[in-house]
Amino acid sequence: MNFKLTADAWVGIAVLIFAGIVYYEAAQIPASPLYARVGPAVFPYFVASAMALLGVALLVQGLRGGWSHEDPELTLKPDWRAVFWVALGLGINLATIADLGFTLASALMFACVSRCFGSKRPIVDFGVGFVLAAISYLGFSVGLGINIGEGILEKLVF
């Protein structure tokens, strides 16, 4: 059997590398002696294992010729406008979460990602994102006692 390192095989290698990073980071999570068998690193270990299995499957498929070049009609060209809107949303969230807080930063990101999917109603998208982010913030801060980014609005309301 003739194996060649296609772009598809590189995707499998990248997934395996990310699985290794997740596994390494999970090993860094301190475990309290209060946990008998199931500690805080169990879920990250599970994610790393699943990623490793998928990475191996992708690598094998890539070495056998890949999946993206089987039918030229199925090969899609990237939608760079959509990529721009997602990257912009992530960048806005990263740049504003410390000052604006989780709720407003997430609502802005939601509006950008909605635009990526073709929405042309940014005010409505911001409103929907705001409601979802506020519910998430309340669930984490009030329900679980975890601070996920307190900002202007959270200090005023909560």
N, C-alpha and C. Protein backbone atom coordinates (compact mmCIF):
# COMPACT_ATOMS: atom_id res chain seq x y z
N MET A 1 0.85 -1.17 0.00
CA MET A 1 0.00 0.00 0.00
C MET A 1 0.90 1.24 0.00
N ASN A 2 0.56 2.21 -0.83
CA ASN A 2 1.35 3.41 -1.00
C ASN A 2 0.76 4.54 -0.15
N PHE A 3 1.48 4.97 0.86
CA PHE A 3 1.01 6.06 1.72
C PHE A 3 1.69 7.35 1.31
N LYS A 4 0.93 8.43 1.27
CA LYS A 4 1.53 9.74 1.02
C LYS A 4 0.93 10.73 2.01
N LEU A 5 1.74 11.68 2.41
CA LEU A 5 1.34 12.66 3.42
C LEU A 5 0.58 13.79 2.75
N THR A 6 -0.74 13.67 2.71
CA THR A 6 -1.60 14.68 2.09
C THR A 6 -1.96 15.75 3.12
N ALA A 7 -2.62 16.78 2.63
CA ALA A 7 -3.10 17.82 3.54
C ALA A 7 -4.08 17.24 4.55
N ASP A 8 -4.84 16.24 4.13
CA ASP A 8 -5.79 15.59 5.03
C ASP A 8 -5.06 14.85 6.15
N ALA A 9 -3.92 14.26 5.84
CA ALA A 9 -3.13 13.58 6.87
C ALA A 9 -2.60 14.60 7.87
N TRP A 10 -2.25 15.78 7.39
CA TRP A 10 -1.77 16.82 8.30
C TRP A 10 -2.87 17.27 9.27
N VAL A 11 -4.11 17.22 8.85
CA VAL A 11 -5.23 17.53 9.76
C VAL A 11 -5.24 16.51 10.90
N GLY A 12 -5.06 15.23 10.57
CA GLY A 12 -5.00 14.19 11.61
C GLY A 12 -3.83 14.42 12.56
N ILE A 13 -2.68 14.80 12.01
CA ILE A 13 -1.50 15.08 12.85
C ILE A 13 -1.78 16.26 13.77
N ALA A 14 -2.42 17.31 13.23
CA ALA A 14 -2.74 18.48 14.05
C ALA A 14 -3.70 18.11 15.19
N VAL A 15 -4.70 17.29 14.91
CA VAL A 15 -5.64 16.87 15.95
C VAL A 15 -4.90 16.05 17.02
N LEU A 16 -3.97 15.20 16.60
CA LEU A 16 -3.17 14.44 17.57
C LEU A 16 -2.31 15.35 18.44
N ILE A 17 -1.74 16.38 17.85
CA ILE A 17 -0.94 17.35 18.63
C ILE A 17 -1.81 18.06 19.65
N PHE A 18 -3.01 18.50 19.21
CA PHE A 18 -3.92 19.16 20.15
C PHE A 18 -4.37 18.20 21.25
N ALA A 19 -4.56 16.93 20.92
CA ALA A 19 -4.91 15.94 21.94
C ALA A 19 -3.80 15.82 22.96
N GLY A 20 -2.55 15.84 22.50
CA GLY A 20 -1.41 15.80 23.42
C GLY A 20 -1.37 17.01 24.32
N ILE A 21 -1.67 18.18 23.78
CA ILE A 21 -1.70 19.41 24.59
C ILE A 21 -2.79 19.33 25.64
N VAL A 22 -3.97 18.87 25.26
CA VAL A 22 -5.08 18.74 26.22
C VAL A 22 -4.71 17.74 27.31
N TYR A 23 -4.09 16.63 26.92
CA TYR A 23 -3.68 15.63 27.91
C TYR A 23 -2.65 16.21 28.87
N TYR A 24 -1.67 16.93 28.34
CA TYR A 24 -0.64 17.55 29.19
C TYR A 24 -1.26 18.55 30.16
N GLU A 25 -2.15 19.39 29.65
CA GLU A 25 -2.79 20.38 30.51
C GLU A 25 -3.68 19.71 31.57
N ALA A 26 -4.34 18.62 31.20
CA ALA A 26 -5.16 17.90 32.17
C ALA A 26 -4.30 17.31 33.28
N ALA A 27 -3.09 16.90 32.93
CA ALA A 27 -2.19 16.34 33.95
C ALA A 27 -1.72 17.41 34.92
N GLN A 28 -1.82 18.68 34.54
CA GLN A 28 -1.39 19.79 35.40
C GLN A 28 -2.47 20.21 36.40
N ILE A 29 -3.67 19.69 36.25
CA ILE A 29 -4.76 20.05 37.16
C ILE A 29 -4.52 19.38 38.51
N PRO A 30 -4.43 20.18 39.58
CA PRO A 30 -4.18 19.57 40.89
C PRO A 30 -5.40 18.79 41.37
N ALA A 31 -5.15 17.62 41.90
CA ALA A 31 -6.23 16.78 42.42
C ALA A 31 -6.21 16.83 43.94
N SER A 32 -7.34 17.11 44.51
CA SER A 32 -7.47 17.16 45.96
C SER A 32 -7.63 15.74 46.51
N PRO A 33 -7.12 15.49 47.70
CA PRO A 33 -7.32 14.15 48.28
C PRO A 33 -8.78 13.87 48.63
N LEU A 34 -9.64 14.88 48.51
CA LEU A 34 -11.06 14.67 48.80
C LEU A 34 -11.74 13.85 47.71
N TYR A 35 -11.16 13.84 46.50
CA TYR A 35 -11.74 13.07 45.41
C TYR A 35 -11.26 11.63 45.50
N ALA A 36 -12.20 10.71 45.53
CA ALA A 36 -11.84 9.30 45.63
C ALA A 36 -11.27 8.80 44.30
N ARG A 37 -12.06 8.86 43.25
CA ARG A 37 -11.60 8.38 41.95
C ARG A 37 -11.86 9.38 40.84
N VAL A 38 -12.95 10.10 40.95
CA VAL A 38 -13.33 11.03 39.89
C VAL A 38 -12.95 12.44 40.36
N GLY A 39 -11.93 12.98 39.72
CA GLY A 39 -11.47 14.32 40.07
C GLY A 39 -11.75 15.30 38.95
N PRO A 40 -11.21 16.50 39.06
CA PRO A 40 -11.49 17.53 38.06
C PRO A 40 -10.83 17.28 36.71
N ALA A 41 -9.89 16.34 36.62
CA ALA A 41 -9.20 16.09 35.35
C ALA A 41 -9.85 14.98 34.53
N VAL A 42 -10.90 14.36 35.03
CA VAL A 42 -11.51 13.23 34.32
C VAL A 42 -12.06 13.66 32.97
N PHE A 43 -12.82 14.74 32.94
CA PHE A 43 -13.41 15.18 31.68
C PHE A 43 -12.34 15.62 30.68
N PRO A 44 -11.32 16.41 31.07
CA PRO A 44 -10.26 16.73 30.10
C PRO A 44 -9.53 15.49 29.59
N TYR A 45 -9.32 14.48 30.44
CA TYR A 45 -8.70 13.24 29.96
C TYR A 45 -9.61 12.54 28.94
N PHE A 46 -10.90 12.56 29.18
CA PHE A 46 -11.85 11.97 28.25
C PHE A 46 -11.80 12.71 26.90
N VAL A 47 -11.78 14.04 26.95
CA VAL A 47 -11.72 14.84 25.72
C VAL A 47 -10.42 14.55 24.97
N ALA A 48 -9.29 14.49 25.70
CA ALA A 48 -8.00 14.20 25.06
C ALA A 48 -8.02 12.81 24.40
N SER A 49 -8.61 11.84 25.06
CA SER A 49 -8.68 10.49 24.50
C SER A 49 -9.54 10.47 23.24
N ALA A 50 -10.68 11.13 23.29
CA ALA A 50 -11.56 11.19 22.12
C ALA A 50 -10.86 11.91 20.96
N MET A 51 -10.16 12.99 21.27
CA MET A 51 -9.42 13.71 20.23
C MET A 51 -8.33 12.83 19.63
N ALA A 52 -7.65 12.06 20.47
CA ALA A 52 -6.59 11.18 19.98
C ALA A 52 -7.16 10.11 19.05
N LEU A 53 -8.30 9.53 19.42
CA LEU A 53 -8.93 8.52 18.56
C LEU A 53 -9.34 9.12 17.21
N LEU A 54 -9.93 10.32 17.26
CA LEU A 54 -10.32 10.98 16.02
C LEU A 54 -9.10 11.36 15.19
N GLY A 55 -8.03 11.80 15.87
CA GLY A 55 -6.80 12.15 15.17
C GLY A 55 -6.20 10.96 14.46
N VAL A 56 -6.19 9.80 15.11
CA VAL A 56 -5.67 8.58 14.48
C VAL A 56 -6.54 8.21 13.27
N ALA A 57 -7.85 8.28 13.44
CA ALA A 57 -8.75 7.96 12.32
C ALA A 57 -8.54 8.91 11.15
N LEU A 58 -8.40 10.19 11.44
CA LEU A 58 -8.16 11.17 10.38
C LEU A 58 -6.81 10.94 9.70
N LEU A 59 -5.81 10.61 10.49
CA LEU A 59 -4.48 10.37 9.94
C LEU A 59 -4.49 9.14 9.02
N VAL A 60 -5.12 8.07 9.47
CA VAL A 60 -5.20 6.87 8.64
C VAL A 60 -5.95 7.18 7.34
N GLN A 61 -7.06 7.88 7.46
CA GLN A 61 -7.83 8.24 6.26
C GLN A 61 -7.01 9.14 5.35
N GLY A 62 -6.26 10.07 5.92
CA GLY A 62 -5.42 10.95 5.12
C GLY A 62 -4.29 10.22 4.43
N LEU A 63 -3.70 9.24 5.10
CA LEU A 63 -2.62 8.46 4.50
C LEU A 63 -3.12 7.56 3.38
N ARG A 64 -4.38 7.20 3.44
CA ARG A 64 -4.97 6.35 2.39
C ARG A 64 -5.43 7.17 1.19
N GLY A 65 -5.21 8.45 1.20
CA GLY A 65 -5.59 9.27 0.06
C GLY A 65 -6.46 10.44 0.42
N GLY A 66 -6.97 10.46 1.63
CA GLY A 66 -7.74 11.61 2.08
C GLY A 66 -9.22 11.52 1.78
N TRP A 67 -9.93 12.47 2.26
CA TRP A 67 -11.37 12.53 2.10
C TRP A 67 -11.81 13.77 1.32
N SER A 68 -11.00 14.80 1.30
CA SER A 68 -11.45 16.05 0.70
C SER A 68 -11.25 16.11 -0.80
N HIS A 69 -10.50 15.17 -1.37
CA HIS A 69 -10.22 15.24 -2.79
C HIS A 69 -10.88 14.10 -3.57
N GLU A 70 -11.82 13.40 -2.92
CA GLU A 70 -12.46 12.27 -3.58
C GLU A 70 -13.37 12.72 -4.72
N ASP A 71 -14.11 13.79 -4.53
CA ASP A 71 -15.01 14.30 -5.55
C ASP A 71 -14.79 15.80 -5.68
N PRO A 72 -14.26 16.26 -6.81
CA PRO A 72 -13.98 17.69 -6.96
C PRO A 72 -15.20 18.58 -6.78
N GLU A 73 -16.40 18.07 -7.07
CA GLU A 73 -17.59 18.88 -6.90
C GLU A 73 -17.93 19.10 -5.44
N LEU A 74 -17.47 18.19 -4.56
CA LEU A 74 -17.74 18.33 -3.14
C LEU A 74 -16.70 19.19 -2.43
N THR A 75 -15.61 19.51 -3.08
CA THR A 75 -14.57 20.32 -2.49
C THR A 75 -15.05 21.77 -2.46
N LEU A 76 -15.17 22.31 -1.27
CA LEU A 76 -15.68 23.67 -1.11
C LEU A 76 -14.54 24.66 -0.96
N LYS A 77 -14.75 25.83 -1.49
CA LYS A 77 -13.78 26.90 -1.31
C LYS A 77 -14.14 27.62 -0.02
N PRO A 78 -13.14 28.07 0.73
CA PRO A 78 -13.44 28.75 1.99
C PRO A 78 -14.19 30.06 1.77
N ASP A 79 -15.12 30.32 2.63
CA ASP A 79 -15.86 31.58 2.61
C ASP A 79 -15.11 32.55 3.51
N TRP A 80 -14.25 33.36 2.93
CA TRP A 80 -13.38 34.23 3.72
C TRP A 80 -14.16 35.32 4.44
N ARG A 81 -15.31 35.70 3.91
CA ARG A 81 -16.13 36.70 4.60
C ARG A 81 -16.65 36.11 5.92
N ALA A 82 -17.07 34.86 5.90
CA ALA A 82 -17.54 34.20 7.12
C ALA A 82 -16.39 34.03 8.11
N VAL A 83 -15.22 33.64 7.60
CA VAL A 83 -14.05 33.49 8.47
C VAL A 83 -13.72 34.84 9.12
N PHE A 84 -13.81 35.91 8.35
CA PHE A 84 -13.55 37.25 8.89
C PHE A 84 -14.49 37.57 10.04
N TRP A 85 -15.79 37.30 9.87
CA TRP A 85 -16.76 37.65 10.92
C TRP A 85 -16.54 36.83 12.19
N VAL A 86 -16.21 35.56 12.04
CA VAL A 86 -15.93 34.74 13.22
C VAL A 86 -14.66 35.23 13.91
N ALA A 87 -13.62 35.50 13.14
CA ALA A 87 -12.37 36.00 13.72
C ALA A 87 -12.58 37.35 14.39
N LEU A 88 -13.37 38.22 13.77
CA LEU A 88 -13.68 39.51 14.37
C LEU A 88 -14.42 39.34 15.69
N GLY A 89 -15.40 38.44 15.70
CA GLY A 89 -16.15 38.19 16.94
C GLY A 89 -15.26 37.67 18.05
N LEU A 90 -14.38 36.73 17.74
CA LEU A 90 -13.46 36.21 18.75
C LEU A 90 -12.50 37.29 19.22
N GLY A 91 -12.02 38.11 18.28
CA GLY A 91 -11.11 39.20 18.64
C GLY A 91 -11.78 40.23 19.53
N ILE A 92 -13.01 40.59 19.20
CA ILE A 92 -13.76 41.55 20.02
C ILE A 92 -13.97 40.98 21.42
N ASN A 93 -14.33 39.71 21.50
CA ASN A 93 -14.54 39.09 22.81
C ASN A 93 -13.27 39.11 23.63
N LEU A 94 -12.17 38.74 23.00
CA LEU A 94 -10.89 38.72 23.70
C LEU A 94 -10.48 40.11 24.16
N ALA A 95 -10.71 41.12 23.32
CA ALA A 95 -10.28 42.48 23.64
C ALA A 95 -11.17 43.17 24.66
N THR A 96 -12.44 42.77 24.75
CA THR A 96 -13.38 43.53 25.58
C THR A 96 -13.86 42.81 26.84
N ILE A 97 -13.59 41.53 26.98
CA ILE A 97 -14.17 40.80 28.11
C ILE A 97 -13.65 41.31 29.45
N ALA A 98 -12.42 41.78 29.51
CA ALA A 98 -11.87 42.27 30.78
C ALA A 98 -12.53 43.58 31.21
N ASP A 99 -12.86 44.44 30.25
CA ASP A 99 -13.44 45.74 30.59
C ASP A 99 -14.97 45.73 30.57
N LEU A 100 -15.55 45.16 29.53
CA LEU A 100 -17.01 45.16 29.41
C LEU A 100 -17.66 44.04 30.20
N GLY A 101 -16.95 42.96 30.40
CA GLY A 101 -17.51 41.81 31.11
C GLY A 101 -18.02 40.75 30.16
N PHE A 102 -18.36 39.60 30.72
CA PHE A 102 -18.77 38.44 29.94
C PHE A 102 -20.02 38.71 29.11
N THR A 103 -21.02 39.33 29.70
CA THR A 103 -22.31 39.47 29.04
C THR A 103 -22.23 40.33 27.79
N LEU A 104 -21.67 41.52 27.90
CA LEU A 104 -21.60 42.41 26.74
C LEU A 104 -20.61 41.90 25.69
N ALA A 105 -19.47 41.40 26.13
CA ALA A 105 -18.48 40.87 25.18
C ALA A 105 -19.04 39.67 24.42
N SER A 106 -19.76 38.81 25.11
CA SER A 106 -20.34 37.63 24.45
C SER A 106 -21.47 38.02 23.51
N ALA A 107 -22.24 39.04 23.87
CA ALA A 107 -23.32 39.51 22.99
C ALA A 107 -22.73 40.07 21.69
N LEU A 108 -21.64 40.82 21.79
CA LEU A 108 -20.97 41.33 20.59
C LEU A 108 -20.44 40.19 19.73
N MET A 109 -19.85 39.19 20.37
CA MET A 109 -19.34 38.04 19.63
C MET A 109 -20.49 37.30 18.95
N PHE A 110 -21.60 37.13 19.64
CA PHE A 110 -22.77 36.45 19.07
C PHE A 110 -23.27 37.18 17.84
N ALA A 111 -23.30 38.51 17.89
CA ALA A 111 -23.76 39.30 16.75
C ALA A 111 -22.82 39.10 15.55
N CYS A 112 -21.52 39.06 15.79
CA CYS A 112 -20.56 38.84 14.70
C CYS A 112 -20.71 37.46 14.10
N VAL A 113 -20.85 36.45 14.93
CA VAL A 113 -20.98 35.09 14.43
C VAL A 113 -22.32 34.92 13.70
N SER A 114 -23.36 35.59 14.17
CA SER A 114 -24.64 35.56 13.46
C SER A 114 -24.50 36.15 12.06
N ARG A 115 -23.71 37.22 11.97
CA ARG A 115 -23.44 37.83 10.66
C ARG A 115 -22.71 36.84 9.76
N CYS A 116 -21.82 36.05 10.34
CA CYS A 116 -21.10 35.02 9.59
C CYS A 116 -22.08 34.05 8.93
N PHE A 117 -23.17 33.75 9.61
CA PHE A 117 -24.16 32.82 9.07
C PHE A 117 -25.20 33.50 8.19
N GLY A 118 -25.00 34.79 7.91
CA GLY A 118 -25.85 35.49 6.96
C GLY A 118 -26.91 36.39 7.55
N SER A 119 -26.95 36.56 8.84
CA SER A 119 -27.95 37.43 9.44
C SER A 119 -27.65 38.88 9.09
N LYS A 120 -28.71 39.64 8.85
CA LYS A 120 -28.55 41.06 8.52
C LYS A 120 -29.26 41.94 9.55
N ARG A 121 -29.47 41.37 10.76
CA ARG A 121 -30.15 42.13 11.82
C ARG A 121 -29.26 42.19 13.05
N PRO A 122 -28.26 43.06 13.06
CA PRO A 122 -27.30 43.07 14.16
C PRO A 122 -27.90 43.45 15.52
N ILE A 123 -28.93 44.29 15.53
CA ILE A 123 -29.54 44.69 16.81
C ILE A 123 -30.26 43.49 17.43
N VAL A 124 -31.01 42.76 16.62
CA VAL A 124 -31.71 41.57 17.11
C VAL A 124 -30.69 40.52 17.56
N ASP A 125 -29.63 40.33 16.76
CA ASP A 125 -28.60 39.36 17.10
C ASP A 125 -27.93 39.72 18.42
N PHE A 126 -27.63 41.00 18.59
CA PHE A 126 -27.03 41.44 19.86
C PHE A 126 -27.98 41.17 21.02
N GLY A 127 -29.26 41.43 20.83
CA GLY A 127 -30.24 41.19 21.89
C GLY A 127 -30.35 39.72 22.26
N VAL A 128 -30.38 38.85 21.26
CA VAL A 128 -30.44 37.41 21.53
C VAL A 128 -29.16 36.96 22.24
N GLY A 129 -28.02 37.43 21.74
CA GLY A 129 -26.75 37.10 22.38
C GLY A 129 -26.68 37.61 23.80
N PHE A 130 -27.24 38.80 24.04
CA PHE A 130 -27.24 39.38 25.38
C PHE A 130 -28.05 38.51 26.34
N VAL A 131 -29.23 38.08 25.91
CA VAL A 131 -30.08 37.24 26.77
C VAL A 131 -29.39 35.91 27.07
N LEU A 132 -28.84 35.27 26.04
CA LEU A 132 -28.15 33.99 26.26
C LEU A 132 -26.93 34.15 27.17
N ALA A 133 -26.17 35.22 26.96
CA ALA A 133 -24.98 35.45 27.78
C ALA A 133 -25.35 35.78 29.22
N ALA A 134 -26.42 36.55 29.41
CA ALA A 134 -26.86 36.88 30.77
C ALA A 134 -27.32 35.63 31.52
N ILE A 135 -28.03 34.75 30.84
CA ILE A 135 -28.46 33.50 31.46
C ILE A 135 -27.24 32.65 31.82
N SER A 136 -26.27 32.59 30.91
CA SER A 136 -25.05 31.83 31.18
C SER A 136 -24.28 32.42 32.35
N TYR A 137 -24.17 33.75 32.37
CA TYR A 137 -23.45 34.40 33.47
C TYR A 137 -24.12 34.11 34.81
N LEU A 138 -25.44 34.23 34.84
CA LEU A 138 -26.16 33.94 36.08
C LEU A 138 -25.97 32.49 36.51
N GLY A 139 -26.02 31.58 35.56
CA GLY A 139 -25.82 30.17 35.88
C GLY A 139 -24.46 29.91 36.50
N PHE A 140 -23.43 30.52 35.93
CA PHE A 140 -22.08 30.31 36.47
C PHE A 140 -21.86 31.08 37.77
N SER A 141 -22.23 32.37 37.80
CA SER A 141 -21.89 33.17 38.98
C SER A 141 -22.79 32.86 40.17
N VAL A 142 -24.08 32.81 39.95
CA VAL A 142 -25.01 32.56 41.06
C VAL A 142 -25.14 31.07 41.34
N GLY A 143 -25.34 30.30 40.29
CA GLY A 143 -25.56 28.87 40.47
C GLY A 143 -24.34 28.10 40.91
N LEU A 144 -23.18 28.40 40.29
CA LEU A 144 -21.97 27.64 40.60
C LEU A 144 -20.94 28.42 41.41
N GLY A 145 -21.12 29.73 41.52
CA GLY A 145 -20.15 30.54 42.27
C GLY A 145 -18.84 30.74 41.52
N ILE A 146 -18.88 30.69 40.18
CA ILE A 146 -17.67 30.85 39.37
C ILE A 146 -17.74 32.18 38.64
N ASN A 147 -16.70 33.00 38.79
CA ASN A 147 -16.64 34.29 38.11
C ASN A 147 -16.07 34.08 36.71
N ILE A 148 -16.87 34.33 35.68
CA ILE A 148 -16.40 34.12 34.31
C ILE A 148 -16.19 35.43 33.57
N GLY A 149 -16.08 36.53 34.27
CA GLY A 149 -15.80 37.80 33.62
C GLY A 149 -16.75 38.89 34.05
N GLU A 150 -16.50 39.44 35.20
CA GLU A 150 -17.36 40.51 35.72
C GLU A 150 -16.94 41.83 35.10
N GLY A 151 -17.87 42.56 34.58
CA GLY A 151 -17.60 43.84 33.95
C GLY A 151 -18.55 44.90 34.43
N ILE A 152 -18.73 45.92 33.59
CA ILE A 152 -19.57 47.09 33.93
C ILE A 152 -20.99 46.65 34.27
N LEU A 153 -21.62 45.92 33.40
CA LEU A 153 -23.01 45.53 33.59
C LEU A 153 -23.17 44.59 34.78
N GLU A 154 -22.30 43.64 34.90
CA GLU A 154 -22.40 42.67 35.99
C GLU A 154 -22.26 43.34 37.35
N LYS A 155 -21.40 44.36 37.43
CA LYS A 155 -21.22 45.07 38.70
C LYS A 155 -22.45 45.89 39.04
N LEU A 156 -23.12 46.44 38.03
CA LEU A 156 -24.30 47.26 38.27
C LEU A 156 -25.53 46.42 38.62
N VAL A 157 -25.73 45.32 37.90
CA VAL A 157 -26.95 44.54 38.04
C VAL A 157 -26.81 43.42 39.07
N PHE A 158 -25.71 42.69 39.01
CA PHE A 158 -25.58 41.51 39.85
C PHE A 158 -24.74 41.83 41.05
